[in-house]
Amino acid sequence: MPLGQWGTNLPDWIRAVMRHRQGRFEATTAVSRGLEECLRSGATAVGEIATSDWRPSRDLPSLVPTTVMFREAIGPTVLRARDAAAAAEAFLAASHACAEVLPGLSPHAPYTVHPQLLETLVELSGRFRVPLAMHLAESPEELELLASGSGPFRELLESVGAWEEAAGARLASIFDYLKALARAPRALVIHGNYLNDEEIAFLAEWRESMSVVYCPRTHDYFARGSYPLARMLATGVNVALGTDSRASNPDLSVFEEMRFAAARHAAVDPATILRMGTLDGAHALGIADRSGTIEPGKPANLAIVALSDQRPADPHELLFAPESRVVRVMKRGTSLIFQRTD
């Protein structure tokens, strides 16, 4: 179950996450279980943000989705930024020796990443040709911090000794962060709940290398209100679907995210929702050459969904109906998982 309560604000939820991690928590086991859950729900490729290093050849089961592992970097102060930058470079320099796990970096969020750290991570992403993923425009509290240097996020950072008052400790706006991320070879903007028209237009202009990752059920869990999905799509932004995490979501099923998004955004073509959860996600991760569609030249990585025997005009109505479910997953043509169909 998600941590905290429905409708909580983000700083309070982060406090709950920090308390949870102080208990018994084994990162490798959690990652393995999470990737298995993704695979069982039909996702044969995922992006995973990891808060600690793990070695695929040693730490993971043999059957995993194709995974872009974004190593998280947190450094809100100059001193911590230097340590985080060194750890990120060491991670990229290490040999992971696993074709199914690809490296990436994740500057966590504006309130935890000093601009010096962000600049270094962008440089590293270019040097090693890896993608970046950053939580951005996620909450009103984040926007308040950038606008005035005050509010619940400042209180949270002060309470853990991570507040830096000096000028230049944060960029001035979400747009400034987008322009910094645009210098990376590929960047994912996670959430994007509060992007304005100028920022959406910028992301549309950079759609080949920048994407927004919309997390529908996490968006609902924090009671964010309406999401500008139709506006983003109409402008030309590449929008993928994500789950955020089990700390804000009942499960890790992108299929359930598609179903939820289709119900919440009736004005959006269901075929577009399906593409957001498949090919547009693969494009966001930089693996559209191997994932996202069933076509000659790509591995047979796919999910098989049991549908009802109704005959609607649009088959997507069956796909996103409450009774539809993933019954088999194939990875490189091999059937991996079967589930009951009755």
Protein backbone atom coordinates (compact mmCIF):
# COMPACT_ATOMS: atom_id res chain seq x y z
CA MET A 1 0.00 0.00 0.00
CA PRO A 2 1.14 3.61 -0.53
CA LEU A 3 2.73 5.46 2.36
CA GLY A 4 0.83 8.22 4.11
CA GLN A 5 -2.76 9.16 3.32
CA TRP A 6 -4.59 10.12 0.15
CA GLY A 7 -4.30 13.84 -0.52
CA THR A 8 -1.16 14.38 1.59
CA ASN A 9 1.28 17.06 0.52
CA LEU A 10 4.60 16.01 -0.97
CA PRO A 11 6.94 17.17 1.86
CA ASP A 12 4.91 15.22 4.44
CA TRP A 13 4.92 12.16 2.19
CA ILE A 14 8.72 12.43 1.85
CA ARG A 15 8.96 12.44 5.64
CA ALA A 16 6.96 9.21 5.67
CA VAL A 17 9.32 7.69 3.07
CA MET A 18 12.34 8.69 5.16
CA ARG A 19 10.85 7.06 8.25
CA HIS A 20 10.07 3.91 6.28
CA ARG A 21 13.65 3.63 5.04
CA GLN A 22 14.98 3.82 8.58
CA GLY A 23 13.46 0.40 9.23
CA ARG A 24 14.55 -2.96 7.83
CA PHE A 25 15.04 -2.42 4.11
CA GLU A 26 17.10 -4.53 1.71
CA ALA A 27 17.50 -2.70 -1.57
CA THR A 28 18.47 -5.60 -3.84
CA THR A 29 15.50 -7.72 -2.76
CA ALA A 30 13.16 -4.78 -3.27
CA VAL A 31 14.50 -4.13 -6.78
CA SER A 32 14.20 -7.80 -7.76
CA ARG A 33 10.62 -7.99 -6.50
CA GLY A 34 9.72 -4.75 -8.23
CA LEU A 35 11.11 -5.83 -11.59
CA GLU A 36 9.33 -9.19 -11.30
CA GLU A 37 6.07 -7.37 -10.54
CA CYS A 38 6.55 -5.17 -13.59
CA LEU A 39 7.14 -8.22 -15.77
CA ARG A 40 4.09 -10.04 -14.41
CA SER A 41 1.91 -7.04 -15.17
CA GLY A 42 3.03 -7.04 -18.80
CA ALA A 43 5.91 -4.55 -18.90
CA THR A 44 8.86 -6.01 -20.81
CA ALA A 45 10.84 -2.74 -20.56
CA VAL A 46 11.00 -0.27 -17.66
CA GLY A 47 12.88 2.69 -16.28
CA GLU A 48 13.98 2.16 -12.67
CA ILE A 49 15.31 4.87 -10.37
CA ALA A 50 17.73 3.22 -7.96
CA THR A 51 18.83 4.87 -4.73
CA SER A 52 21.86 2.58 -4.38
CA ASP A 53 24.19 0.67 -6.68
CA TRP A 54 23.40 -2.88 -7.69
CA ARG A 55 25.11 -5.18 -10.13
CA PRO A 56 22.74 -6.91 -12.56
CA SER A 57 24.96 -9.94 -13.11
CA ARG A 58 25.07 -10.60 -9.37
CA ASP A 59 22.02 -9.03 -7.76
CA LEU A 60 19.11 -9.69 -10.11
CA PRO A 61 17.13 -12.77 -11.18
CA SER A 62 17.79 -14.12 -14.66
CA LEU A 63 14.47 -12.93 -16.08
CA VAL A 64 13.95 -9.17 -15.89
CA PRO A 65 12.43 -6.54 -18.16
CA THR A 66 14.85 -4.56 -20.27
CA THR A 67 15.72 -1.94 -17.65
CA VAL A 68 17.19 1.53 -17.84
CA MET A 69 18.66 1.91 -14.36
CA PHE A 70 18.73 5.59 -13.41
CA ARG A 71 21.18 5.97 -10.52
CA GLU A 72 19.69 8.63 -8.26
CA ALA A 73 21.84 11.59 -7.24
CA ILE A 74 20.96 13.80 -4.26
CA GLY A 75 23.11 16.79 -3.31
CA PRO A 76 21.28 19.93 -2.14
CA THR A 77 24.45 21.60 -0.83
CA VAL A 78 27.81 22.26 -2.49
CA LEU A 79 29.59 19.70 -0.32
CA ARG A 80 27.03 16.96 -0.85
CA ALA A 81 26.84 17.81 -4.54
CA ARG A 82 30.53 17.00 -4.97
CA ASP A 83 30.12 13.60 -3.31
CA ALA A 84 27.03 12.80 -5.38
CA ALA A 85 28.79 13.78 -8.60
CA ALA A 86 31.75 11.52 -7.79
CA ALA A 87 29.40 8.61 -7.04
CA ALA A 88 27.53 9.16 -10.32
CA GLU A 89 30.73 9.13 -12.37
CA ALA A 90 31.95 5.99 -10.60
CA PHE A 91 28.64 4.31 -11.35
CA LEU A 92 28.88 5.08 -15.07
CA ALA A 93 32.53 4.08 -15.25
CA ALA A 94 31.84 0.65 -13.73
CA SER A 95 31.13 -2.26 -16.06
CA HIS A 96 27.61 -3.62 -15.53
CA ALA A 97 28.00 -6.45 -18.04
CA CYS A 98 24.30 -7.07 -18.66
CA ALA A 99 22.61 -6.48 -21.99
CA GLU A 100 19.18 -6.17 -20.36
CA VAL A 101 20.19 -3.40 -17.93
CA LEU A 102 21.31 -0.03 -19.29
CA PRO A 103 22.71 2.83 -17.19
CA GLY A 104 21.23 6.28 -16.65
CA LEU A 105 21.35 9.04 -14.04
CA SER A 106 18.60 10.69 -12.02
CA PRO A 107 19.13 14.15 -10.56
CA HIS A 108 16.33 13.69 -8.04
CA ALA A 109 14.45 17.01 -7.94
CA PRO A 110 15.01 20.80 -7.75
CA TYR A 111 14.87 20.78 -3.95
CA THR A 112 17.54 18.08 -3.59
CA VAL A 113 19.93 18.85 -6.46
CA HIS A 114 22.28 21.82 -6.33
CA PRO A 115 22.73 23.49 -9.76
CA GLN A 116 26.42 22.52 -9.71
CA LEU A 117 25.41 18.87 -9.37
CA LEU A 118 22.85 19.17 -12.15
CA GLU A 119 25.46 20.72 -14.45
CA THR A 120 27.88 17.86 -13.72
CA LEU A 121 25.23 15.19 -14.30
CA VAL A 122 24.27 16.76 -17.63
CA GLU A 123 27.95 16.72 -18.62
CA LEU A 124 28.28 13.07 -17.54
CA SER A 125 25.18 12.08 -19.49
CA GLY A 126 26.72 13.58 -22.62
CA ARG A 127 30.11 12.02 -22.07
CA PHE A 128 28.72 8.53 -21.39
CA ARG A 129 25.68 8.90 -23.71
CA VAL A 130 23.11 7.99 -21.06
CA PRO A 131 19.66 9.45 -20.29
CA LEU A 132 18.67 11.62 -17.33
CA ALA A 133 15.41 11.43 -15.36
CA MET A 134 14.31 14.21 -12.98
CA HIS A 135 11.19 14.78 -10.88
CA LEU A 136 10.04 18.22 -11.99
CA ALA A 137 6.98 20.49 -11.67
CA GLU A 138 5.52 17.88 -9.33
CA SER A 139 3.91 19.90 -6.53
CA PRO A 140 2.83 23.41 -5.49
CA GLU A 141 5.37 23.25 -2.66
CA GLU A 142 8.18 22.78 -5.21
CA LEU A 143 7.03 25.83 -7.18
CA GLU A 144 6.82 27.87 -3.98
CA LEU A 145 10.39 26.98 -3.06
CA LEU A 146 11.73 28.05 -6.45
CA ALA A 147 9.70 31.25 -6.50
CA SER A 148 10.39 32.49 -2.96
CA GLY A 149 12.81 30.15 -1.19
CA SER A 150 10.14 29.46 1.42
CA GLY A 151 7.41 27.02 2.35
CA PRO A 152 7.14 23.37 3.44
CA PHE A 153 10.13 22.21 1.39
CA ARG A 154 12.42 24.74 3.03
CA GLU A 155 11.17 23.55 6.42
CA LEU A 156 11.86 19.95 5.45
CA LEU A 157 15.37 20.71 4.19
CA GLU A 158 16.20 22.74 7.29
CA SER A 159 14.98 19.92 9.53
CA VAL A 160 17.49 17.48 7.99
CA GLY A 161 20.40 19.92 7.71
CA ALA A 162 20.16 20.14 3.91
CA TRP A 163 19.16 23.78 3.40
CA GLU A 164 21.59 26.11 1.67
CA GLU A 165 20.78 29.81 1.76
CA ALA A 166 23.47 31.04 -0.64
CA ALA A 167 22.53 32.61 -3.94
CA GLY A 168 22.61 30.06 -6.73
CA ALA A 169 21.59 27.13 -4.54
CA ARG A 170 18.58 26.60 -6.81
CA LEU A 171 17.64 27.65 -10.32
CA ALA A 172 14.93 30.29 -10.58
CA SER A 173 12.22 28.38 -12.42
CA ILE A 174 11.05 25.09 -13.89
CA PHE A 175 11.91 26.48 -17.32
CA ASP A 176 15.53 26.92 -16.24
CA TYR A 177 15.67 23.25 -15.24
CA LEU A 178 14.17 22.22 -18.58
CA LYS A 179 16.80 24.22 -20.46
CA ALA A 180 19.54 22.55 -18.40
CA LEU A 181 18.13 19.07 -19.08
CA ALA A 182 17.85 19.81 -22.80
CA ARG A 183 21.65 19.74 -23.00
CA ALA A 184 21.61 16.02 -22.17
CA PRO A 185 21.33 13.49 -25.02
CA ARG A 186 18.01 12.30 -23.55
CA ALA A 187 15.93 13.53 -20.61
CA LEU A 188 12.76 12.40 -18.86
CA VAL A 189 10.67 14.92 -16.92
CA ILE A 190 8.85 12.87 -14.31
CA HIS A 191 5.34 14.14 -13.49
CA GLY A 192 5.23 17.61 -15.07
CA ASN A 193 1.99 18.27 -13.20
CA TYR A 194 2.38 22.05 -13.17
CA LEU A 195 4.06 22.87 -16.47
CA ASN A 196 2.94 26.16 -18.02
CA ASP A 197 2.32 26.85 -21.71
CA GLU A 198 5.85 28.09 -22.37
CA GLU A 199 7.37 24.99 -20.76
CA ILE A 200 5.03 22.65 -22.63
CA ALA A 201 5.91 24.34 -25.93
CA PHE A 202 9.61 23.93 -25.13
CA LEU A 203 9.16 20.20 -24.45
CA ALA A 204 7.26 19.80 -27.70
CA GLU A 205 10.12 21.47 -29.57
CA TRP A 206 12.57 19.04 -27.95
CA ARG A 207 10.34 15.95 -28.23
CA GLU A 208 13.02 13.84 -29.93
CA SER A 209 15.23 13.96 -26.83
CA MET A 210 12.88 15.06 -24.03
CA SER A 211 9.75 13.36 -22.69
CA VAL A 212 7.26 13.81 -19.88
CA VAL A 213 6.42 10.79 -17.72
CA TYR A 214 2.84 11.06 -16.47
CA CYS A 215 2.02 8.90 -13.43
CA PRO A 216 -1.81 8.87 -13.37
CA ARG A 217 -2.55 7.00 -10.14
CA THR A 218 0.19 8.77 -8.19
CA HIS A 219 -1.19 12.07 -9.51
CA ASP A 220 -4.57 11.05 -8.13
CA TYR A 221 -3.10 9.86 -4.81
CA PHE A 222 -1.79 13.35 -4.10
CA ALA A 223 -5.13 14.90 -5.18
CA ARG A 224 -3.44 17.07 -7.80
CA GLY A 225 -6.57 17.93 -9.72
CA SER A 226 -6.69 17.90 -13.52
CA TYR A 227 -3.58 16.93 -15.47
CA PRO A 228 -2.76 18.87 -18.69
CA LEU A 229 -2.51 15.72 -20.79
CA ALA A 230 -4.68 16.82 -23.70
CA ARG A 231 -2.80 20.14 -23.90
CA MET A 232 0.59 18.39 -23.90
CA LEU A 233 -0.46 15.94 -26.60
CA ALA A 234 -2.01 18.66 -28.76
CA THR A 235 1.19 20.70 -28.50
CA GLY A 236 3.32 17.71 -29.52
CA VAL A 237 4.99 16.63 -26.27
CA ASN A 238 6.11 13.00 -26.08
CA VAL A 239 4.22 11.71 -23.03
CA ALA A 240 4.94 8.30 -21.53
CA LEU A 241 3.24 6.58 -18.60
CA GLY A 242 4.88 5.66 -15.30
CA THR A 243 3.93 4.35 -11.87
CA ASP A 244 6.31 6.52 -9.77
CA SER A 245 6.71 3.90 -7.00
CA ARG A 246 4.96 1.54 -4.62
CA ALA A 247 5.23 4.31 -2.01
CA SER A 248 2.53 6.29 -3.86
CA ASN A 249 0.79 3.57 -5.88
CA PRO A 250 -0.98 0.27 -5.09
CA ASP A 251 1.13 -1.63 -7.66
CA LEU A 252 3.66 -1.25 -10.49
CA SER A 253 1.38 -2.08 -13.42
CA VAL A 254 1.70 0.23 -16.42
CA PHE A 255 -1.32 -1.61 -17.85
CA GLU A 256 -3.37 -0.38 -14.89
CA GLU A 257 -1.99 3.12 -15.46
CA MET A 258 -3.27 2.94 -19.05
CA ARG A 259 -6.69 1.79 -17.88
CA PHE A 260 -6.83 4.56 -15.26
CA ALA A 261 -5.67 7.23 -17.73
CA ALA A 262 -8.24 6.12 -20.31
CA ALA A 263 -10.99 6.51 -17.72
CA ARG A 264 -9.77 9.91 -16.52
CA HIS A 265 -9.08 11.40 -19.95
CA ALA A 266 -12.11 10.49 -22.03
CA ALA A 267 -11.27 13.16 -24.59
CA VAL A 268 -7.95 11.48 -25.41
CA ASP A 269 -8.06 8.78 -28.08
CA PRO A 270 -7.62 5.37 -26.37
CA ALA A 271 -5.14 4.43 -29.10
CA THR A 272 -3.00 7.33 -27.90
CA ILE A 273 -3.21 6.05 -24.32
CA LEU A 274 -2.00 2.65 -25.52
CA ARG A 275 0.90 4.26 -27.38
CA MET A 276 1.85 6.27 -24.27
CA GLY A 277 2.22 3.01 -22.35
CA THR A 278 4.19 1.27 -25.11
CA LEU A 279 6.08 2.98 -27.95
CA ASP A 280 6.15 6.47 -26.42
CA GLY A 281 7.61 4.97 -23.23
CA ALA A 282 10.24 3.14 -25.25
CA HIS A 283 11.08 6.39 -27.05
CA ALA A 284 11.41 8.19 -23.72
CA LEU A 285 13.91 5.58 -22.54
CA GLY A 286 15.84 5.59 -25.82
CA ILE A 287 15.04 1.95 -26.63
CA ALA A 288 12.36 2.35 -29.31
CA ASP A 289 14.60 0.35 -31.67
CA ARG A 290 14.00 -2.76 -29.56
CA SER A 291 10.75 -2.17 -27.63
CA GLY A 292 7.30 -0.64 -27.84
CA THR A 293 5.90 -2.27 -30.98
CA ILE A 294 5.56 -5.71 -32.53
CA GLU A 295 7.33 -5.52 -35.87
CA PRO A 296 10.04 -7.31 -37.90
CA GLY A 297 13.50 -6.83 -36.48
CA LYS A 298 12.44 -6.33 -32.87
CA PRO A 299 12.57 -9.02 -30.16
CA ALA A 300 9.23 -10.71 -29.42
CA ASN A 301 8.69 -8.91 -26.11
CA LEU A 302 4.97 -8.56 -25.51
CA ALA A 303 2.02 -9.03 -23.20
CA ILE A 304 -1.08 -11.05 -24.07
CA VAL A 305 -4.32 -9.70 -22.63
CA ALA A 306 -7.52 -11.72 -22.18
CA LEU A 307 -10.59 -9.78 -23.34
CA SER A 308 -14.32 -10.34 -23.03
CA ASP A 309 -16.31 -11.75 -25.97
CA GLN A 310 -18.14 -8.48 -26.61
CA ARG A 311 -17.80 -6.76 -30.00
CA PRO A 312 -17.59 -2.99 -29.54
CA ALA A 313 -16.80 -0.64 -32.41
CA ASP A 314 -13.46 0.26 -30.85
CA PRO A 315 -11.37 -2.70 -29.57
CA HIS A 316 -9.68 -0.37 -27.08
CA GLU A 317 -12.92 -0.46 -25.11
CA LEU A 318 -12.24 -4.15 -24.47
CA LEU A 319 -8.56 -3.60 -23.75
CA PHE A 320 -9.21 -1.03 -21.02
CA ALA A 321 -12.38 -2.66 -19.64
CA PRO A 322 -12.28 -3.65 -15.94
CA GLU A 323 -12.38 -7.40 -16.71
CA SER A 324 -9.41 -7.44 -19.11
CA ARG A 325 -6.16 -8.78 -17.66
CA VAL A 326 -2.65 -9.83 -18.65
CA VAL A 327 -2.53 -13.63 -18.91
CA ARG A 328 0.86 -14.22 -20.52
CA VAL A 329 4.11 -12.34 -20.98
CA MET A 330 6.73 -13.15 -23.59
CA LYS A 331 10.36 -12.12 -23.49
CA ARG A 332 12.35 -12.62 -26.68
CA GLY A 333 9.75 -15.08 -27.92
CA THR A 334 9.79 -17.26 -24.83
CA SER A 335 6.65 -17.53 -22.72
CA LEU A 336 7.66 -16.53 -19.21
CA ILE A 337 4.55 -16.14 -17.12
CA PHE A 338 1.07 -17.66 -17.29
CA GLN A 339 -1.90 -16.56 -15.23
CA ARG A 340 -5.37 -18.07 -14.84
CA THR A 341 -7.87 -16.98 -17.47
CA ASP A 342 -11.02 -18.13 -15.65
